[in-house]
C-alpha cells in the first residue's frame, strides 16, 4: 500500500493533540510533532507539551528531544523528520504529524531552500544594533539589500529581519535569492487535516489555556530559563512577556494579559497561513469520526 503522512494542524489551542492521538490510535501508528518549541526539553508548560498520560497513548517523536542551547531550525527539522519518516514507514502505512509550526510543516511537505550556515559574528552585530537602535534601521537596510523580501516579511518580527540581513551581508546576495528552489517531491502521500472553530470560541479556548498554564507554574518555568533569554528559542509567546516582567518593564498581570493577546494574534496568523492551502480538509474539533471517514476515502483514492 502507498505510505501516507496525515498532518493535523490549525491554530494554537484548538485541540490538535487530542485529535492526533485519536488518529494514531485508530491507525495504530506513531506521532511526529511539528511544534518548533515543544521540541526543547527545557520548555514544558509554556509550549503545552502533552501530559505523560497522553504521551503514552501513542508514541511521540520530537518532543523534548533537543536543548534550547542548540542552534535548531526548520532546515534541520526537515532532515531529521524525513529520516524518521523513512524509518516509520517501514512499519506503518500511515504516520500522524501534529503541530502548528508553519515553517516546519512546509519543510516536510515542500522542502525549504538551502541557506548558508549562520555567521555568529554578523548575527551578534545585528542584534546589538537592534538592541541599541531599534528595528527601523534594520528595516531600511533590508529594503535596500533585498526589496523583494522586504515586501513579504513581517516587519514587526526582528528575528526574521535580522536573519535575512545576516544572509545578505554574509553572501552579498539577496536573501530572497535563496528562496526560489522548486518544491521537492516526497516518496509518500500527504493528507492535511485542519482544525478550526468560530473566532469567539477559539479566543475563549486560548484565554482559558493561558490561565491553566499560569496555574501550572508558567512563571516559574520562565524564571528557570531567564538567564538564556538571549536565545532565539525563547523569543516566543509565553516567555518573552515574562522576561519583560522580570526586567521590570511591565507588571505581572500585564504579562499574563499580553500572553493571551499575543497567542490570539499568533492563532490568526496560523489560520491565514494554513487557510491558503487548498489541499487542507477543515473540521471542527471533536469530529474525529468525520475526519477518519474523509481520510479513509482519500487514502483509498491515492
Protein backbone atom coordinates (compact mmCIF):
# COMPACT_ATOMS: atom_id res chain seq x y z
CA UNK A 1 0.00 0.00 0.00
CA UNK A 2 1.16 3.59 -0.55
CA UNK A 3 2.50 5.34 2.51
CA UNK A 4 0.59 8.34 3.81
CA UNK A 5 1.60 11.16 6.12
CA UNK A 6 -1.51 12.58 7.82
CA UNK A 7 -0.94 16.11 9.10
CA UNK A 8 -3.15 17.58 11.82
CA UNK A 9 -2.74 21.31 12.06
CA UNK A 10 -4.55 24.52 12.95
CA UNK A 11 -4.30 27.46 15.34
CA UNK A 12 -2.80 27.29 18.81
CA UNK A 13 -5.16 25.98 21.47
CA UNK A 14 -7.60 24.38 19.03
CA UNK A 15 -7.11 20.78 20.21
CA UNK A 16 -4.65 19.28 17.72
CA UNK A 17 -3.08 16.96 20.28
CA UNK A 18 -6.32 15.18 21.17
CA UNK A 19 -7.25 14.65 17.54
CA UNK A 20 -3.77 13.47 16.65
CA UNK A 21 -3.79 10.88 19.43
CA UNK A 22 -7.19 9.55 18.36
CA UNK A 23 -6.00 9.21 14.78
CA UNK A 24 -2.78 7.50 15.90
CA UNK A 25 -4.80 5.01 17.95
CA UNK A 26 -7.17 4.35 15.04
CA UNK A 27 -4.38 3.78 12.52
CA UNK A 28 -2.20 2.06 15.16
CA UNK A 29 0.78 4.24 14.37
CA UNK A 30 3.06 6.89 15.86
CA UNK A 31 3.03 10.70 16.06
CA UNK A 32 5.66 13.11 14.77
CA UNK A 33 5.41 16.51 16.45
CA UNK A 34 5.70 19.59 14.22
CA UNK A 35 5.94 22.11 17.04
CA UNK A 36 9.07 24.25 16.95
CA UNK A 37 9.01 24.83 20.73
CA UNK A 38 7.78 21.51 22.16
CA UNK A 39 10.99 20.08 20.74
CA UNK A 40 13.00 21.74 23.53
CA UNK A 41 13.36 19.74 26.73
CA UNK A 42 13.67 22.83 28.94
CA UNK A 43 10.18 24.03 27.98
CA UNK A 44 7.02 22.22 29.05
CA UNK A 45 4.24 24.41 30.41
CA UNK A 46 4.54 27.35 28.04
CA UNK A 47 4.74 25.09 24.99
CA UNK A 48 1.72 22.99 26.03
CA UNK A 49 3.60 19.69 25.94
CA UNK A 50 1.00 16.92 26.36
CA UNK A 51 0.95 15.34 29.84
CA UNK A 52 2.51 11.87 30.30
CA UNK A 53 -0.94 10.25 30.29
CA UNK A 54 -1.49 11.46 26.73
CA UNK A 55 2.06 10.84 25.53
CA UNK A 56 1.75 7.17 26.49
CA UNK A 57 -1.43 6.69 24.44
CA UNK A 58 0.65 6.94 21.25
CA UNK A 59 4.41 7.13 20.78
CA UNK A 60 5.53 10.71 20.10
CA UNK A 61 8.68 11.98 18.40
CA UNK A 62 10.33 15.43 18.53
CA UNK A 63 9.01 16.28 21.98
CA UNK A 64 11.75 17.22 24.50
CA UNK A 65 14.27 15.81 22.02
CA UNK A 66 16.62 18.81 21.81
CA UNK A 67 18.01 21.58 24.02
CA UNK A 68 17.23 25.27 23.61
CA UNK A 69 21.01 25.83 23.56
CA UNK A 70 21.19 24.05 20.18
CA UNK A 71 21.03 26.12 17.01
CA UNK A 72 17.94 24.35 15.68
CA UNK A 73 15.87 25.45 12.68
CA UNK A 74 13.40 24.29 10.04
CA UNK A 75 16.18 23.04 7.77
CA UNK A 76 17.48 20.67 10.44
CA UNK A 77 13.94 19.61 11.24
CA UNK A 78 13.35 18.75 7.57
CA UNK A 79 16.39 16.46 7.53
CA UNK A 80 15.66 14.77 10.85
CA UNK A 81 11.91 14.41 10.25
CA UNK A 82 12.38 12.87 6.80
CA UNK A 83 14.92 10.40 8.17
CA UNK A 84 12.48 9.45 10.92
CA UNK A 85 9.57 9.10 8.50
CA UNK A 86 11.64 6.78 6.32
CA UNK A 87 12.08 4.50 9.35
CA UNK A 88 8.46 4.73 10.46
CA UNK A 89 7.10 3.92 7.01
CA UNK A 90 8.89 0.58 7.13
CA UNK A 91 6.47 -0.32 9.96
CA UNK A 92 3.32 1.67 9.20
CA UNK A 93 1.26 2.62 6.17
CA UNK A 94 0.15 5.82 7.91
CA UNK A 95 2.03 8.18 10.21
CA UNK A 96 0.48 11.16 12.01
CA UNK A 97 2.15 14.58 12.16
CA UNK A 98 0.70 17.06 14.67
CA UNK A 99 1.60 20.70 15.11
CA UNK A 100 1.09 24.31 14.18
CA UNK A 101 4.61 25.44 13.29
CA UNK A 102 4.11 26.67 9.76
CA UNK A 103 7.70 26.52 8.53
CA UNK A 104 8.27 23.05 10.00
CA UNK A 105 5.23 21.62 8.23
CA UNK A 106 6.21 23.31 4.97
CA UNK A 107 9.73 21.94 5.33
CA UNK A 108 8.42 18.38 5.42
CA UNK A 109 5.76 18.85 2.73
CA UNK A 110 7.64 21.01 0.24
CA UNK A 111 11.22 21.25 1.40
CA UNK A 112 12.94 24.51 2.22
CA UNK A 113 15.67 26.27 0.35
CA UNK A 114 19.26 25.55 1.31
CA UNK A 115 20.56 28.50 3.28
CA UNK A 116 24.21 29.25 4.00
CA UNK A 117 25.39 28.47 7.52
CA UNK A 118 24.90 31.27 10.01
CA UNK A 119 27.70 33.69 10.80
CA UNK A 120 27.63 34.24 14.60
CA UNK A 121 29.60 37.48 14.43
CA UNK A 122 27.28 39.11 11.89
CA UNK A 123 24.22 37.96 13.81
CA UNK A 124 25.60 39.34 17.06
CA UNK A 125 26.38 42.67 15.39
CA UNK A 126 22.82 42.93 14.05
CA UNK A 127 21.32 42.00 17.39
CA UNK A 128 23.33 44.73 19.11
CA UNK A 129 22.14 47.23 16.51
CA UNK A 130 18.56 46.20 17.22
CA UNK A 131 19.04 46.46 20.99
CA UNK A 132 20.62 49.90 20.83
CA UNK A 133 18.91 51.49 17.85
CA UNK A 134 15.65 49.64 17.40
CA UNK A 135 14.21 47.91 14.36
CA UNK A 136 13.79 50.80 11.92
CA UNK A 137 17.42 50.98 10.75
CA UNK A 138 17.37 47.22 10.13
CA UNK A 139 14.18 47.55 8.08
CA UNK A 140 15.72 50.26 5.93
CA UNK A 141 18.85 48.21 5.31
CA UNK A 142 16.78 45.17 4.35
CA UNK A 143 14.71 47.32 1.97
CA UNK A 144 17.92 48.40 0.27
CA UNK A 145 19.59 44.97 0.12
CA UNK A 146 16.52 42.84 -0.63
CA UNK A 147 13.45 44.87 -1.66
CA UNK A 148 11.65 41.68 -2.78
CA UNK A 149 11.78 40.03 0.65
CA UNK A 150 11.06 43.37 2.32
CA UNK A 151 7.63 43.34 0.67
CA UNK A 152 6.66 39.99 2.23
CA UNK A 153 8.44 39.76 5.59
CA UNK A 154 6.69 40.54 8.87
CA UNK A 155 8.25 43.95 9.51
CA UNK A 156 7.41 43.67 13.22
CA UNK A 157 9.47 40.50 13.61
CA UNK A 158 13.10 41.43 14.37
CA UNK A 159 14.27 37.80 14.24
CA UNK A 160 13.13 37.42 10.62
CA UNK A 161 14.66 40.74 9.58
CA UNK A 162 17.96 40.00 11.32
CA UNK A 163 18.16 36.55 9.74
CA UNK A 164 17.55 37.95 6.25
CA UNK A 165 20.13 40.70 6.73
CA UNK A 166 22.62 38.17 8.04
CA UNK A 167 22.35 36.17 4.80
CA UNK A 168 22.53 39.35 2.67
CA UNK A 169 25.66 40.64 4.41
CA UNK A 170 27.35 37.24 4.56
CA UNK A 171 26.83 36.29 0.89
CA UNK A 172 26.45 39.61 -0.90
CA UNK A 173 23.23 38.25 -2.43
CA UNK A 174 19.58 38.99 -1.58
CA UNK A 175 18.05 36.65 0.98
CA UNK A 176 15.13 36.09 -1.43
CA UNK A 177 17.51 34.56 -3.99
CA UNK A 178 17.91 31.53 -1.70
CA UNK A 179 14.14 31.04 -1.52
CA UNK A 180 13.44 30.12 -5.14
CA UNK A 181 14.07 26.37 -5.25
CA UNK A 182 11.22 24.26 -6.70
CA UNK A 183 9.03 22.15 -4.42
CA UNK A 184 10.63 18.82 -3.60
CA UNK A 185 8.75 15.59 -4.25
CA UNK A 186 8.27 13.22 -1.32
CA UNK A 187 8.15 9.40 -1.54
CA UNK A 188 4.83 9.33 0.35
CA UNK A 189 1.36 10.79 0.04
CA UNK A 190 0.37 13.75 2.23
CA UNK A 191 -3.13 14.41 3.60
CA UNK A 192 -3.80 17.53 5.65
CA UNK A 193 -6.46 17.97 8.31
CA UNK A 194 -7.06 21.47 9.65
CA UNK A 195 -8.95 22.18 12.87
CA UNK A 196 -10.78 25.44 13.46
CA UNK A 197 -13.84 26.86 15.19
CA UNK A 198 -15.64 30.23 15.46
CA UNK A 199 -13.27 33.03 16.48
CA UNK A 200 -15.02 33.81 19.78
CA UNK A 201 -14.82 30.17 20.84
CA UNK A 202 -11.15 29.94 19.86
CA UNK A 203 -10.33 33.08 21.85
CA UNK A 204 -12.05 31.58 24.90
CA UNK A 205 -10.03 28.39 24.48
CA UNK A 206 -6.78 30.35 24.24
CA UNK A 207 -7.54 32.55 27.26
CA UNK A 208 -8.50 29.52 29.33
CA UNK A 209 -5.37 27.65 28.31
CA UNK A 210 -3.14 30.56 29.33
CA UNK A 211 -4.88 30.70 32.72
CA UNK A 212 -4.23 26.97 33.17
CA UNK A 213 -0.56 27.46 32.21
CA UNK A 214 -0.17 30.19 34.83
CA UNK A 215 -1.79 27.95 37.44
CA UNK A 216 0.58 25.13 36.45
CA UNK A 217 3.67 27.29 37.06
CA UNK A 218 4.48 29.06 33.81
CA UNK A 219 6.05 31.99 35.64
CA UNK A 220 8.43 29.67 37.49
CA UNK A 221 9.34 27.89 34.25
CA UNK A 222 10.10 31.23 32.60
CA UNK A 223 12.36 32.19 35.52
CA UNK A 224 14.24 28.91 35.13
CA UNK A 225 15.32 29.90 31.59
CA UNK A 226 15.52 33.65 32.15
CA UNK A 227 19.33 33.55 32.04
CA UNK A 228 19.05 32.16 28.49
CA UNK A 229 16.61 34.82 27.28
CA UNK A 230 19.02 35.89 24.51
CA UNK A 231 18.42 32.60 22.67
CA UNK A 232 16.13 32.65 19.64
CA UNK A 233 14.24 29.64 21.01
CA UNK A 234 12.94 31.82 23.83
CA UNK A 235 11.85 34.70 21.62
CA UNK A 236 8.35 33.28 21.71
CA UNK A 237 4.91 33.91 23.18
CA UNK A 238 4.64 32.82 26.79
CA UNK A 239 8.26 33.57 27.68
CA UNK A 240 9.23 36.96 26.30
CA UNK A 241 6.28 38.55 28.15
CA UNK A 242 7.52 37.12 31.45
CA UNK A 243 11.05 38.29 30.69
CA UNK A 244 9.71 41.83 30.26
CA UNK A 245 8.00 41.44 33.64
CA UNK A 246 11.20 40.19 35.29
CA UNK A 247 13.05 43.16 33.81
CA UNK A 248 10.57 45.48 35.50
CA UNK A 249 9.09 46.74 32.22
CA UNK A 250 5.53 45.52 32.87
CA UNK A 251 3.59 44.23 35.93
CA UNK A 252 2.69 40.57 36.37
CA UNK A 253 -0.95 40.91 35.35
CA UNK A 254 0.05 42.79 32.22
CA UNK A 255 2.39 39.94 31.27
CA UNK A 256 -0.48 37.46 31.50
CA UNK A 257 -2.75 39.75 29.51
CA UNK A 258 -0.10 40.09 26.79
CA UNK A 259 0.43 36.32 26.59
CA UNK A 260 -3.29 35.92 25.88
CA UNK A 261 -3.31 38.73 23.33
CA UNK A 262 -0.18 37.57 21.53
CA UNK A 263 -1.44 33.97 21.49
CA UNK A 264 -4.64 35.14 19.83
CA UNK A 265 -2.63 37.11 17.26
CA UNK A 266 -0.46 34.10 16.52
CA UNK A 267 -3.59 31.97 16.08
CA UNK A 268 -4.91 34.41 13.47
CA UNK A 269 -1.59 34.26 11.63
CA UNK A 270 -1.73 30.44 11.61
CA UNK A 271 -5.30 30.43 10.29
CA UNK A 272 -4.31 32.78 7.47
CA UNK A 273 -1.25 30.72 6.59
CA UNK A 274 -2.92 27.30 6.63
CA UNK A 275 -6.09 28.67 5.05
CA UNK A 276 -4.19 29.40 1.83
CA UNK A 277 -3.60 25.67 1.24
CA UNK A 278 -6.47 24.29 -0.88
CA UNK A 279 -5.47 20.70 -0.03
CA UNK A 280 -6.34 21.07 3.67
CA UNK A 281 -9.60 19.47 4.81
CA UNK A 282 -11.16 21.57 7.57
CA UNK A 283 -13.14 20.28 10.57
CA UNK A 284 -14.28 21.49 13.95
CA UNK A 285 -12.51 19.89 16.95
CA UNK A 286 -14.09 16.68 18.22
CA UNK A 287 -15.25 15.46 14.81
CA UNK A 288 -12.81 12.56 14.68
CA UNK A 289 -15.31 10.13 13.13
CA UNK A 290 -15.87 12.54 10.23
CA UNK A 291 -12.13 13.10 9.91
CA UNK A 292 -11.37 9.38 9.78
CA UNK A 293 -14.08 8.80 7.16
CA UNK A 294 -12.69 11.60 5.00
CA UNK A 295 -9.11 10.36 5.39
CA UNK A 296 -10.02 6.76 4.53
CA UNK A 297 -11.81 7.99 1.42
CA UNK A 298 -8.73 9.95 0.35
CA UNK A 299 -6.37 7.07 1.15
CA UNK A 300 -8.41 4.68 -0.99
CA UNK A 301 -8.25 7.10 -3.92
CA UNK A 302 -4.48 7.54 -3.78
